[in-house]
Protein backbone atom coordinates (compact mmCIF):
# COMPACT_ATOMS: atom_id res chain seq x y z
CA MET A 1 2.36 23.77 -16.81
CA GLN A 2 1.37 25.64 -13.63
CA ARG A 3 0.51 23.21 -11.00
CA ARG A 4 -3.40 24.07 -9.90
CA ARG A 5 -3.57 25.01 -6.46
CA TYR A 6 -5.67 23.01 -4.26
CA ALA A 7 -9.02 23.34 -3.56
CA PRO A 8 -10.86 23.87 -0.41
CA LEU A 9 -12.33 20.92 0.74
CA ILE A 10 -15.71 21.76 1.19
CA ALA A 11 -17.38 24.43 -1.03
CA VAL A 12 -20.10 26.54 -0.31
CA SER A 13 -22.86 24.11 -2.14
CA VAL A 14 -22.03 21.65 0.12
CA LEU A 15 -22.23 23.27 3.37
CA ALA A 16 -25.87 23.29 2.38
CA THR A 17 -26.38 19.49 2.50
CA LEU A 18 -24.37 19.85 5.84
CA ALA A 19 -26.83 21.83 7.46
CA PRO A 20 -29.83 21.69 5.94
CA GLY A 21 -32.09 23.80 8.33
CA LEU A 22 -29.73 26.80 8.36
CA ALA A 23 -31.28 28.00 4.65
CA ALA A 24 -34.81 27.75 6.08
CA ALA A 25 -34.63 29.31 9.26
CA ALA A 26 -34.68 33.09 7.68
CA PRO A 27 -37.13 34.29 6.26
CA ALA A 28 -36.95 34.64 1.99
CA ALA A 29 -36.80 38.23 1.94
CA ALA A 30 -34.57 38.59 4.57
CA ALA A 31 -31.82 38.84 2.24
CA PRO A 32 -30.54 39.38 -1.83
CA LYS A 33 -30.81 35.80 -3.46
CA ALA A 34 -27.39 34.70 -3.72
CA PRO A 35 -25.83 34.36 -7.29
CA ALA A 36 -25.72 31.39 -8.86
CA ARG A 37 -22.50 29.60 -8.77
CA ALA A 38 -21.18 26.45 -10.29
CA ALA A 39 -20.35 22.88 -8.43
CA GLY A 40 -16.65 23.06 -7.65
CA PRO A 41 -14.56 20.09 -8.17
CA LEU A 42 -14.78 17.95 -5.15
CA ASP A 43 -18.31 18.48 -4.31
CA SER A 44 -19.30 15.30 -5.99
CA TYR A 45 -16.96 13.43 -3.43
CA ALA A 46 -18.92 15.04 -0.47
CA GLN A 47 -21.82 13.61 -1.98
CA GLN A 48 -21.18 9.92 -2.43
CA LYS A 49 -24.09 7.59 -0.89
CA LEU A 50 -22.18 4.93 1.40
CA SER A 51 -23.60 1.70 1.30
CA TRP A 52 -22.90 0.19 4.86
CA LYS A 53 -22.29 -3.65 4.97
CA ARG A 54 -20.88 -6.13 7.57
CA CYS A 55 -16.90 -6.07 7.07
CA ASP A 56 -15.57 -8.17 4.68
CA ILE A 57 -12.92 -9.37 7.65
CA ASN A 58 -13.30 -11.62 10.42
CA LEU A 59 -14.66 -8.60 12.85
CA ALA A 60 -17.72 -7.88 14.90
CA ALA A 61 -21.08 -7.54 13.16
CA SER A 62 -21.32 -4.54 15.15
CA LEU A 63 -18.54 -2.94 12.97
CA ARG A 64 -19.79 -1.87 9.67
CA CYS A 65 -17.41 -1.25 6.69
CA ALA A 66 -17.91 0.96 3.46
CA THR A 67 -16.07 2.57 0.93
CA VAL A 68 -15.33 6.12 0.18
CA LYS A 69 -14.12 7.40 -3.34
CA VAL A 70 -11.11 10.45 -2.78
CA PRO A 71 -8.88 12.07 -5.76
CA MET A 72 -5.64 10.71 -5.92
CA ASP A 73 -4.53 13.57 -6.67
CA TYR A 74 -6.04 16.51 -5.12
CA GLY A 75 -4.48 19.16 -7.46
CA GLU A 76 -6.56 17.26 -10.44
CA PRO A 77 -9.46 16.47 -8.48
CA ARG A 78 -11.17 15.24 -11.21
CA GLY A 79 -8.65 12.80 -12.73
CA LYS A 80 -8.11 9.38 -11.14
CA THR A 81 -9.56 8.21 -7.70
CA LEU A 82 -8.44 5.70 -5.00
CA ASP A 83 -11.08 3.82 -2.81
CA VAL A 84 -10.45 3.96 1.23
CA GLU A 85 -12.44 1.59 2.92
CA ILE A 86 -13.52 3.16 6.26
CA SER A 87 -15.40 1.10 9.68
CA ARG A 88 -18.36 2.54 12.00
CA ILE A 89 -19.76 1.67 14.61
CA LYS A 90 -22.16 3.83 15.82
CA THR A 91 -23.50 4.84 19.68
CA SER A 92 -26.40 2.87 21.18
CA LEU A 93 -27.37 6.37 22.65
CA PRO A 94 -28.11 7.89 19.63
CA GLY A 95 -29.94 11.25 21.98
CA GLN A 96 -26.55 11.85 23.74
CA ARG A 97 -24.31 11.49 20.12
CA ARG A 98 -21.81 14.41 19.85
CA GLY A 99 -20.34 13.35 16.37
CA VAL A 100 -17.52 10.97 15.24
CA LEU A 101 -14.52 9.84 16.37
CA PHE A 102 -11.59 9.06 13.95
CA SER A 103 -9.10 6.80 15.17
CA ASN A 104 -5.70 5.84 13.54
CA PRO A 105 -3.40 3.49 14.98
CA GLY A 106 0.10 4.69 13.76
CA GLY A 107 2.96 3.03 11.42
CA PRO A 108 2.51 4.45 9.30
CA GLY A 109 1.25 1.80 7.56
CA GLY A 110 -0.67 0.46 10.29
CA ALA A 111 -4.49 -0.35 9.08
CA GLY A 112 -7.51 0.80 11.01
CA LEU A 113 -10.50 -0.98 10.18
CA ASP A 114 -10.84 -2.33 13.48
CA LEU A 115 -9.52 0.59 15.32
CA PRO A 116 -13.01 0.66 16.56
CA LEU A 117 -13.44 -2.27 18.43
CA GLU A 118 -10.14 -2.04 19.97
CA LEU A 119 -10.95 1.80 21.39
CA ARG A 120 -14.52 -0.11 22.42
CA LYS A 121 -12.76 -1.71 25.16
CA TYR A 122 -10.83 1.54 26.69
CA LEU A 123 -13.75 3.95 26.42
CA PRO A 124 -15.93 4.19 29.25
CA VAL A 125 -19.56 4.13 27.94
CA PRO A 126 -20.31 7.62 28.91
CA VAL A 127 -17.66 8.40 26.68
CA GLN A 128 -18.88 5.94 23.55
CA ALA A 129 -22.37 7.28 23.96
CA LYS A 130 -20.83 10.61 22.30
CA TYR A 131 -19.89 9.22 19.38
CA ASP A 132 -19.96 6.88 16.48
CA LEU A 133 -16.39 5.20 16.51
CA ILE A 134 -15.02 6.16 12.80
CA GLY A 135 -11.59 3.70 11.69
CA PHE A 136 -10.34 3.66 8.33
CA ASP A 137 -7.28 2.36 6.39
CA PRO A 138 -5.68 5.28 5.06
CA ARG A 139 -4.68 5.31 1.38
CA GLY A 140 -2.24 3.13 -0.08
CA ILE A 141 -2.91 1.05 3.21
CA GLY A 142 -5.04 -2.53 4.03
CA ARG A 143 -7.56 -2.34 1.66
CA SER A 144 -7.85 1.37 0.55
CA SER A 145 -6.15 1.23 -3.16
CA PRO A 146 -3.47 -0.97 -1.28
CA VAL A 147 0.15 -0.16 -2.66
CA GLU A 148 3.03 -3.17 -3.61
CA CYS A 149 6.71 -2.29 -4.18
CA GLY A 150 7.47 -5.82 -4.43
CA LEU A 151 9.74 -6.07 -1.49
CA ASN A 152 11.24 -9.30 -0.84
CA LYS A 153 12.59 -10.21 2.79
CA GLN A 154 15.97 -8.75 1.88
CA ASP A 155 14.19 -5.57 0.66
CA GLN A 156 12.34 -5.49 4.26
CA LYS A 157 15.54 -5.65 6.58
CA TRP A 158 15.74 -2.10 7.94
CA PRO A 159 16.34 -0.75 10.02
CA ARG A 160 20.36 -1.38 9.25
CA GLN A 161 23.46 -1.07 11.27
CA TYR A 162 26.09 0.90 9.31
CA ARG A 163 29.57 -0.16 8.50
CA ASP A 164 32.63 0.73 6.62
CA LYS A 165 32.58 -2.17 4.49
CA THR A 166 28.65 -2.61 4.00
CA PHE A 167 28.05 0.40 3.52
CA ALA A 168 28.01 0.35 -0.36
CA GLY A 169 25.78 -2.38 -0.48
CA ASP A 170 23.33 -0.29 2.11
CA VAL A 171 23.05 2.48 -0.77
CA ALA A 172 22.67 -0.20 -3.14
CA TRP A 173 19.88 -1.37 -0.79
CA ALA A 174 18.19 1.71 -0.67
CA LYS A 175 18.00 2.33 -4.36
CA GLY A 176 16.62 -0.78 -5.04
CA VAL A 177 13.88 -0.47 -3.27
CA ALA A 178 13.20 3.28 -4.33
CA GLY A 179 13.66 1.48 -7.57
CA LYS A 180 10.60 -1.25 -7.10
CA CYS A 181 8.45 1.55 -5.72
CA ARG A 182 8.49 3.87 -8.67
CA ALA A 183 8.27 0.88 -11.00
CA ASN A 184 5.78 -1.10 -9.27
CA VAL A 185 3.32 1.45 -7.71
CA GLY A 186 3.53 4.12 -10.60
CA GLU A 187 1.89 7.55 -10.49
CA ARG A 188 0.34 6.73 -6.98
CA LEU A 189 3.45 6.78 -5.55
CA SER A 190 3.64 10.36 -5.07
CA HIS A 191 -0.16 10.46 -4.02
CA ILE A 192 0.55 8.33 -0.45
CA THR A 193 1.13 10.72 2.06
CA THR A 194 0.16 12.38 5.46
CA ARG A 195 -1.09 15.42 3.99
CA ASN A 196 -3.12 13.74 1.48
CA THR A 197 -4.34 11.33 4.21
CA ALA A 198 -5.58 14.61 6.08
CA ARG A 199 -7.41 15.40 2.71
CA ASP A 200 -8.92 11.72 2.74
CA MET A 201 -10.42 12.42 6.26
CA ASP A 202 -11.88 15.54 5.51
CA VAL A 203 -13.52 13.68 2.50
CA ILE A 204 -14.69 10.78 4.73
CA ARG A 205 -16.30 13.78 7.42
CA ALA A 206 -18.08 15.50 4.47
CA VAL A 207 -19.67 12.08 3.05
CA LEU A 208 -20.92 11.66 6.91
CA GLY A 209 -22.65 14.84 6.87
CA GLU A 210 -20.28 15.72 9.88
CA LYS A 211 -19.40 19.98 10.36
CA LYS A 212 -16.10 18.73 12.85
CA ILE A 213 -14.49 15.90 13.33
CA SER A 214 -12.60 14.59 17.07
CA TYR A 215 -9.67 12.12 16.50
CA PHE A 216 -7.71 9.40 18.51
CA GLY A 217 -4.44 8.84 16.93
CA GLY A 218 -1.31 7.32 18.40
CA SER A 219 1.94 7.24 17.36
CA TYR A 220 2.51 8.31 14.04
CA GLY A 221 -1.30 8.82 13.88
CA THR A 222 -0.59 11.69 16.35
CA TYR A 223 1.15 13.49 13.50
CA LEU A 224 -1.33 12.82 11.04
CA GLY A 225 -3.66 14.47 13.57
CA ALA A 226 -1.24 17.29 13.61
CA VAL A 227 -1.46 18.05 10.23
CA TYR A 228 -5.37 17.76 10.05
CA THR A 229 -5.50 20.36 12.69
CA GLN A 230 -2.89 22.58 10.45
CA MET A 231 -5.27 21.94 7.45
CA PHE A 232 -8.53 22.06 8.92
CA PRO A 233 -8.49 23.79 12.04
CA GLN A 234 -12.28 24.44 12.00
CA ARG A 235 -13.22 21.32 11.33
CA SER A 236 -11.26 19.94 14.18
CA ASP A 237 -13.11 19.33 17.52
CA ARG A 238 -11.89 17.02 20.56
CA PHE A 239 -8.34 15.63 19.40
CA VAL A 240 -6.21 12.92 21.43
CA LEU A 241 -2.40 12.44 20.51
CA ASP A 242 -1.23 9.34 22.39
CA SER A 243 2.59 8.62 22.00
CA ALA A 244 3.37 11.76 20.26
CA VAL A 245 5.69 12.68 17.51
CA ASP A 246 7.85 16.01 16.86
CA PRO A 247 6.36 17.62 13.78
CA LYS A 248 9.78 19.43 13.43
CA LEU A 249 11.47 16.27 13.27
CA ALA A 250 9.30 14.30 10.39
CA TRP A 251 11.50 11.63 9.30
CA ARG A 252 14.88 11.52 9.50
CA GLY A 253 14.84 13.58 12.84
CA THR A 254 12.43 11.21 14.44
CA PHE A 255 14.36 8.04 13.74
CA GLN A 256 18.10 9.63 14.58
CA LEU A 257 16.54 10.18 18.32
CA TRP A 258 16.39 6.65 18.73
CA GLY A 259 20.00 6.69 18.70
CA SER A 260 20.60 9.21 21.45
CA ASP A 261 17.12 8.53 23.19
CA ALA A 262 18.81 4.69 23.65
CA GLU A 263 21.64 5.45 25.38
CA ARG A 264 19.80 7.59 27.95
CA ALA A 265 17.59 4.43 28.60
CA PHE A 266 20.35 2.51 28.65
CA LYS A 267 21.83 4.20 31.51
CA ARG A 268 19.00 4.28 33.38
CA TRP A 269 18.40 0.46 32.83
CA THR A 270 22.12 -0.12 33.89
CA GLU A 271 21.85 1.86 37.51
CA ASN A 272 18.28 0.18 38.56
CA THR A 273 19.84 -3.52 37.23
CA ALA A 274 23.04 -2.65 39.35
CA ARG A 275 20.35 -2.18 42.55
CA ARG A 276 18.77 -5.40 41.79
CA ASN A 277 22.08 -7.43 41.45
CA ALA A 278 20.65 -10.14 44.30
CA GLU A 279 17.34 -10.68 41.65
CA PHE A 280 19.46 -11.01 37.85
CA GLY A 281 22.88 -11.59 38.78
CA LEU A 282 24.34 -8.75 35.95
CA GLY A 283 26.78 -6.60 38.03
CA ASP A 284 26.41 -4.62 40.93
CA THR A 285 27.37 -1.07 39.76
CA PRO A 286 25.93 0.24 36.60
CA ALA A 287 28.95 -0.14 34.84
CA ASP A 288 29.46 -3.62 35.71
CA VAL A 289 25.84 -4.12 34.42
CA SER A 290 27.09 -2.36 31.10
CA ARG A 291 30.02 -4.72 31.00
CA THR A 292 27.94 -7.73 30.60
CA PHE A 293 25.99 -6.65 28.13
CA TRP A 294 28.61 -5.30 26.05
CA ASP A 295 30.97 -9.04 26.40
CA ILE A 296 27.58 -10.47 25.07
CA ILE A 297 27.68 -8.35 22.37
CA ARG A 298 31.31 -8.76 21.81
CA GLN A 299 31.01 -12.73 21.74
CA ALA A 300 28.20 -12.68 19.46
CA ASP A 301 29.83 -10.25 16.49
CA ARG A 302 32.94 -12.80 17.12
CA LYS A 303 31.07 -15.96 16.77
CA PRO A 304 26.77 -15.72 16.20
CA ILE A 305 24.68 -16.50 19.84
CA THR A 306 22.41 -19.12 19.09
CA ILE A 307 19.26 -17.90 20.80
CA GLY A 308 16.35 -20.91 20.29
CA ASP A 309 17.61 -22.01 16.53
CA THR A 310 18.04 -18.76 15.39
CA PRO A 311 22.09 -17.66 15.48
CA PHE A 312 21.96 -13.46 16.35
CA THR A 313 25.06 -11.34 15.77
CA GLY A 314 26.27 -8.74 18.13
CA ALA A 315 24.37 -5.86 15.61
CA GLU A 316 21.21 -7.91 15.79
CA ILE A 317 21.15 -8.23 19.49
CA ARG A 318 21.96 -4.54 19.86
CA ASP A 319 18.41 -4.16 17.35
CA LEU A 320 16.35 -6.21 19.32
CA MET A 321 17.62 -4.80 22.70
CA ARG A 322 17.00 -1.41 21.76
CA THR A 323 13.32 -1.03 22.63
CA GLN A 324 13.68 -3.28 25.43
CA PHE A 325 16.00 -0.88 27.24
CA PHE A 326 13.26 0.95 28.02
CA THR A 327 11.21 -1.21 30.12
CA VAL A 328 13.68 -1.87 32.64
CA GLN A 329 11.83 -5.40 33.94
CA ASN A 330 11.96 -6.86 30.71
CA ALA A 331 15.37 -5.36 29.63
CA ALA A 332 16.56 -7.27 32.52
CA GLU A 333 15.11 -10.49 32.11
CA ALA A 334 16.25 -10.19 28.28
CA VAL A 335 20.12 -9.55 29.10
CA VAL A 336 19.89 -12.97 31.62
CA MET A 337 18.41 -14.88 28.51
CA LEU A 338 21.32 -13.74 26.28
CA ARG A 339 23.99 -14.32 28.78
CA ASP A 340 22.67 -17.81 29.02
CA ALA A 341 22.31 -18.34 25.41
CA ALA A 342 26.22 -16.92 25.59
CA ALA A 343 27.04 -19.91 27.81
CA GLY A 344 25.23 -22.23 25.24
CA LYS A 345 21.98 -22.77 27.57
CA PRO A 346 19.08 -23.76 25.52
CA THR A 347 16.75 -20.50 25.12
CA PRO A 348 13.04 -20.20 23.62
CA GLU A 349 12.77 -19.20 20.27
CA ILE A 350 12.45 -14.89 19.60
CA PRO A 351 9.53 -15.10 17.22
CA HIS A 352 9.83 -13.29 14.11
CA GLY A 353 7.10 -11.02 12.20
CA GLU A 354 5.98 -12.27 8.68
CA GLU A 355 7.00 -10.64 5.72
CA ASN A 356 4.54 -7.61 4.57
CA ASP A 357 5.02 -5.98 1.31
CA ASN A 358 2.15 -3.37 2.10
CA PHE A 359 3.57 -2.31 5.64
CA PHE A 360 6.95 -1.37 3.95
CA SER A 361 6.17 -0.14 0.73
CA SER A 362 3.12 2.02 2.06
CA PHE A 363 5.66 2.94 5.05
CA TRP A 364 8.37 4.15 2.64
CA SER A 365 5.83 6.28 0.47
CA ILE A 366 4.77 8.41 3.35
CA ILE A 367 8.09 8.49 5.10
CA CYS A 368 9.47 9.45 1.65
CA GLY A 369 7.25 11.55 0.06
CA ASP A 370 5.90 13.60 3.40
CA THR A 371 8.95 15.65 3.09
CA ARG A 372 11.61 17.20 1.20
CA THR A 373 14.25 17.54 3.63
CA TRP A 374 15.77 13.84 2.95
CA SER A 375 19.43 14.38 1.41
CA LYS A 376 19.92 12.35 -1.92
CA ASP A 377 23.80 12.45 -0.87
CA PRO A 378 25.22 8.81 0.34
CA GLN A 379 28.34 10.57 2.34
CA THR A 380 26.08 12.58 4.27
CA TYR A 381 24.72 9.43 5.88
CA ARG A 382 27.59 8.37 6.06
CA GLU A 383 29.26 10.82 8.19
CA GLU A 384 26.73 10.77 10.32
CA SER A 385 26.56 7.36 11.21
CA ILE A 386 30.28 7.69 11.35
CA ARG A 387 29.41 10.20 14.15
CA ASP A 388 26.44 8.86 15.75
CA ARG A 389 28.08 5.09 16.66
CA ALA A 390 30.79 6.93 18.59
CA LYS A 391 28.08 9.00 20.08
CA TYR A 392 25.71 6.38 20.62
CA PRO A 393 27.18 2.79 20.33
CA LEU A 394 23.92 1.14 21.30
CA TYR A 395 22.27 2.08 18.31
CA GLY A 396 23.45 5.19 16.89
CA ASP A 397 24.84 3.48 13.91
CA PHE A 398 21.39 1.85 12.89
CA ALA A 399 19.80 5.61 13.95
CA SER A 400 21.49 7.22 10.87
CA ASN A 401 22.27 5.02 8.18
CA ILE A 402 20.78 5.46 4.88
CA THR A 403 17.38 4.95 3.91
CA PRO A 404 15.51 4.51 0.64
CA CYS A 405 14.13 8.07 1.11
CA ALA A 406 17.73 9.01 -0.43
CA SER A 407 16.76 7.61 -3.82
CA TRP A 408 13.19 8.91 -3.58
CA ASP A 409 11.93 11.27 -6.16
CA LYS A 410 11.32 14.73 -5.03
CA ALA A 411 8.12 15.35 -2.90
CA ALA A 412 4.75 16.13 -4.59
CA GLU A 413 4.44 18.99 -1.66
CA PRO A 414 7.04 19.95 0.76
CA ALA A 415 6.28 18.80 4.93
CA THR A 416 3.24 20.36 6.75
CA ALA A 417 4.28 23.19 9.34
CA VAL A 418 2.40 22.60 12.45
CA ASP A 419 1.81 25.60 14.35
CA ASN A 420 -1.72 26.32 15.46
CA LYS A 421 -3.88 26.94 18.70
CA VAL A 422 -6.33 24.01 17.98
CA PRO A 423 -6.91 22.88 21.74
CA SER A 424 -5.59 19.01 21.74
CA LEU A 425 -4.64 16.34 24.57
CA ILE A 426 -1.28 14.91 24.41
CA VAL A 427 -0.56 11.62 26.89
CA GLN A 428 3.06 10.73 26.84
CA ASN A 429 4.92 7.99 29.08
CA GLU A 430 8.46 9.20 30.12
CA TRP A 431 9.80 6.31 28.68
CA ASP A 432 8.51 5.43 25.47
CA SER A 433 10.84 4.06 22.78
CA GLN A 434 9.72 4.70 19.91
CA THR A 435 8.06 8.47 20.30
CA PRO A 436 10.62 9.66 23.00
CA LEU A 437 9.24 12.08 25.40
CA SER A 438 10.84 14.70 23.91
CA THR A 439 9.00 14.00 20.97
CA ALA A 440 5.89 14.80 22.85
CA GLN A 441 7.10 18.13 24.30
CA GLY A 442 8.33 18.82 20.81
CA MET A 443 4.97 18.51 19.72
CA HIS A 444 3.10 20.34 22.80
CA ARG A 445 5.20 23.08 21.30
CA ALA A 446 4.03 23.04 17.95
CA LEU A 447 -0.09 22.83 19.08
CA LYS A 448 0.02 25.97 21.24
CA GLY A 449 -3.83 24.84 22.40
CA SER A 450 -2.71 21.87 23.60
CA ARG A 451 -1.97 20.30 27.10
CA LEU A 452 0.92 17.70 27.65
CA VAL A 453 -0.25 14.74 30.31
CA THR A 454 3.11 13.01 31.44
CA VAL A 455 3.30 9.70 32.92
CA ASP A 456 6.18 10.20 35.70
CA GLU A 457 8.36 6.61 35.09
CA GLY A 458 5.96 5.70 32.63
CA GLU A 459 6.80 2.87 30.59
CA GLY A 460 5.90 1.66 27.00
CA HIS A 461 4.79 2.70 23.51
CA GLY A 462 0.97 3.79 24.52
CA VAL A 463 -0.55 5.47 27.23
CA TYR A 464 -4.43 5.07 27.07
CA GLY A 465 -5.70 2.26 28.67
CA PHE A 466 -2.32 1.58 30.72
CA ASN A 467 -2.55 4.86 33.54
CA GLU A 468 -5.45 4.92 35.32
CA CYS A 469 -4.71 8.97 35.97
CA ALA A 470 -4.16 9.42 32.34
CA ASP A 471 -7.07 7.77 30.87
CA GLY A 472 -9.03 10.07 33.43
CA VAL A 473 -8.18 12.94 31.61
CA THR A 474 -8.60 11.81 28.32
CA ASP A 475 -12.17 10.32 29.20
CA ALA A 476 -12.96 13.94 31.04
CA TYR A 477 -11.84 15.41 27.93
CA LEU A 478 -13.46 13.36 25.47
CA LEU A 479 -16.63 14.03 27.55
CA THR A 480 -16.74 17.35 28.15
CA GLY A 481 -14.40 19.06 25.35
CA LYS A 482 -12.87 20.63 28.67
CA LEU A 483 -8.82 20.68 28.69
CA PRO A 484 -6.97 20.56 31.91
CA ALA A 485 -6.14 24.08 33.51
CA GLY A 486 -1.96 23.29 32.83
CA ASN A 487 -0.04 20.47 31.79
CA VAL A 488 -0.80 17.31 34.12
CA THR A 489 1.91 14.86 35.72
CA CYS A 490 0.52 11.54 36.70
CA GLY A 491 2.43 8.70 38.21
CA VAL A 492 2.61 4.90 37.97
CA THR A 493 0.75 2.59 40.35
CA PRO A 494 1.45 -0.93 40.54
CA ALA A 495 -1.83 -1.61 38.90
CA ASP A 496 -1.11 0.38 35.86
CA ALA A 497 1.66 -2.10 35.36
CA SER A 498 0.17 -5.05 35.70
CA ALA A 499 -2.37 -3.87 33.14
CA ARG A 500 0.11 -3.30 30.98
CA SER A 501 1.90 -7.20 31.05
CA ALA A 502 -1.55 -8.66 31.43
CA GLU A 503 -3.16 -7.19 28.16
CA PRO A 504 -0.84 -6.91 25.32
CA ARG A 505 -2.73 -4.92 22.57
CA SER A 506 -1.95 -3.81 18.98
CA PHE A 507 -2.95 0.06 19.75
CA PRO A 508 -0.81 1.97 18.70
CA VAL A 509 1.38 0.72 16.62
CA THR A 510 4.93 1.29 16.60
CA PRO A 511 6.66 2.99 13.76
CA LEU A 512 8.72 -0.02 13.24
CA PRO A 513 8.00 -2.88 10.39
CA PRO A 514 6.16 -5.37 11.59
CA ALA A 515 9.24 -7.56 11.51
CA LEU A 516 10.85 -5.84 14.32
CA ARG A 517 7.68 -5.23 16.25
CA ALA A 518 6.95 -9.14 17.41
CA ARG A 519 10.73 -9.76 18.61
CA PHE A 520 11.00 -9.91 22.17
C-alpha cells in the first residue's frame, strides 16, 4: 500500500483560530463565501486545551508543565499518539512580549524541561521580557513517551576502540543493541527522529496559539533547529544555534570528524604546553610533550594504570583525553595527573557517569533513524577504522568503528537536506571538542541567511554565557531581530575564561552519552 504523504501541520481551518481577529476585520460582503472544507487530520492536535500545572519534578514554582498529544506517525495522524511534556516560564512583562522562545539542550537524548530555568540565568531582563521561555522533552526522551531498549552497562559502552582481535565482538555488540531496541521499543522505534521532533515542535506552536517560534538550541539542538527551519520556514522567527553541527555530516561524518579534529587539537596542545614547560614539566618541545603522553599510553597498554582506584588501559585514557586536548590548561593538568599515576603516585578518582538506558536508547534511535546513509556492511567500518587509526592515532580508531546503526532497520525517511535562507545566528568556539569549528561553518553554508559568530581561540562546548562579545551579539538579535551586517569574530578575555571555570553548567549537552561527559 502506498504510504500517505505527510499533511501540512496547520490546515486553513486552524489558521483562523490562531488569528481570530482577521476574519472580522473585513466587511461581510467584501468577499464571496468560502466553500466549506472537511477538518484536516491534524486539526484536532492543534486545538488541544492545555492543563498547566507545577512540574512533577524538583523545579522552581515559576516553571509550569503540560502534556501535548502528538501523532506517533505523522503519515497516519489518526493513529496512535505519543505524549510530549512541555514547560513554560511566562514573561513578567506581557506588554513587551513578542512570542515564544523554544529551547533544546542537545544530545540527542537530552531532556529539556528545565532548560528555561537555565536560560533565564543568562538572558538579560529585556530579552526575557520578549518571550515566554518554552522547554520540552523531545519524543522518546525523559517524560515524553520515553523509549528504553533494556541496555545494560556493557551495551552502553561507546565509543569503542577498534582492534582487529575484538572487532567481531564489536559487530556482535552493534547487532545486540539494535536487536534489543527493535524488540523492546517496537513500532515506536522508527518514529523517534529529528524530523518528527520538528513536527512536534510545530504542533506545540499551534497549541500555544503562536504564528511563529523563536528558538535557542545547543549542539544536537542546532541540527533540530535547522531541520525545523527547513520544514517550517514560514514559522521560524529568531533562531540561535550554539555550537553547531554540519547537517551534511549527520551522523557518521560527525563522529569521524572527532578523529581528525583531535589530532589538530593535540598538536596545538603540545605547542602550548612546550612553551609552559617550567609550569608543567612535560617537555620543552612539542615533540617531547607528545612523547611524554604517548609513553604513558604505551605503559598503560602493557599494564593498566590505576587512577584513584580504577585501572585504565591506554585506549581508555585516549578516550578520556580526546575532549581535554581542546582545552590547553585542562589537558596539561590531566596529563600531569596521568604521569603521576603511571609513576605509582596516588591520584584522585575520576567520576563515572551513571547508566542511563533512556539516554542511550533515544540517542541511537535518533542517530540511526535520521538517515539512510549508514552502511550495513561491517567490512566498511573495519576498513575505515584501520585507515583512520593510522591517520589519526589519538582517536581515529574510536571515531570510525562500527555502531548499532549498521544493524538498524531502514530509516522511515531520508535525512533532511538543509538548504534555506531563513535568518539565524550561529555562535561557535574555535576549539570545540564536540562540534568543531568546521561543522559550524558547514551549518553556516547550509543556512544561507545566517551569520556566524566565531570566538577566536575560544575553548569549550557551548558559547552563550561564556563570552561577552558573543553574548552581546546574541542578545541584540533576540531583542531586535537584526542580524549583524556580516560574520563576527570575537576574542577571549580573562573574564570569559574565569566565567567558564567558575560556573560549569549543563547547557548545551554534548553529543556523548552521560557516562563519558562526566569524566575529567
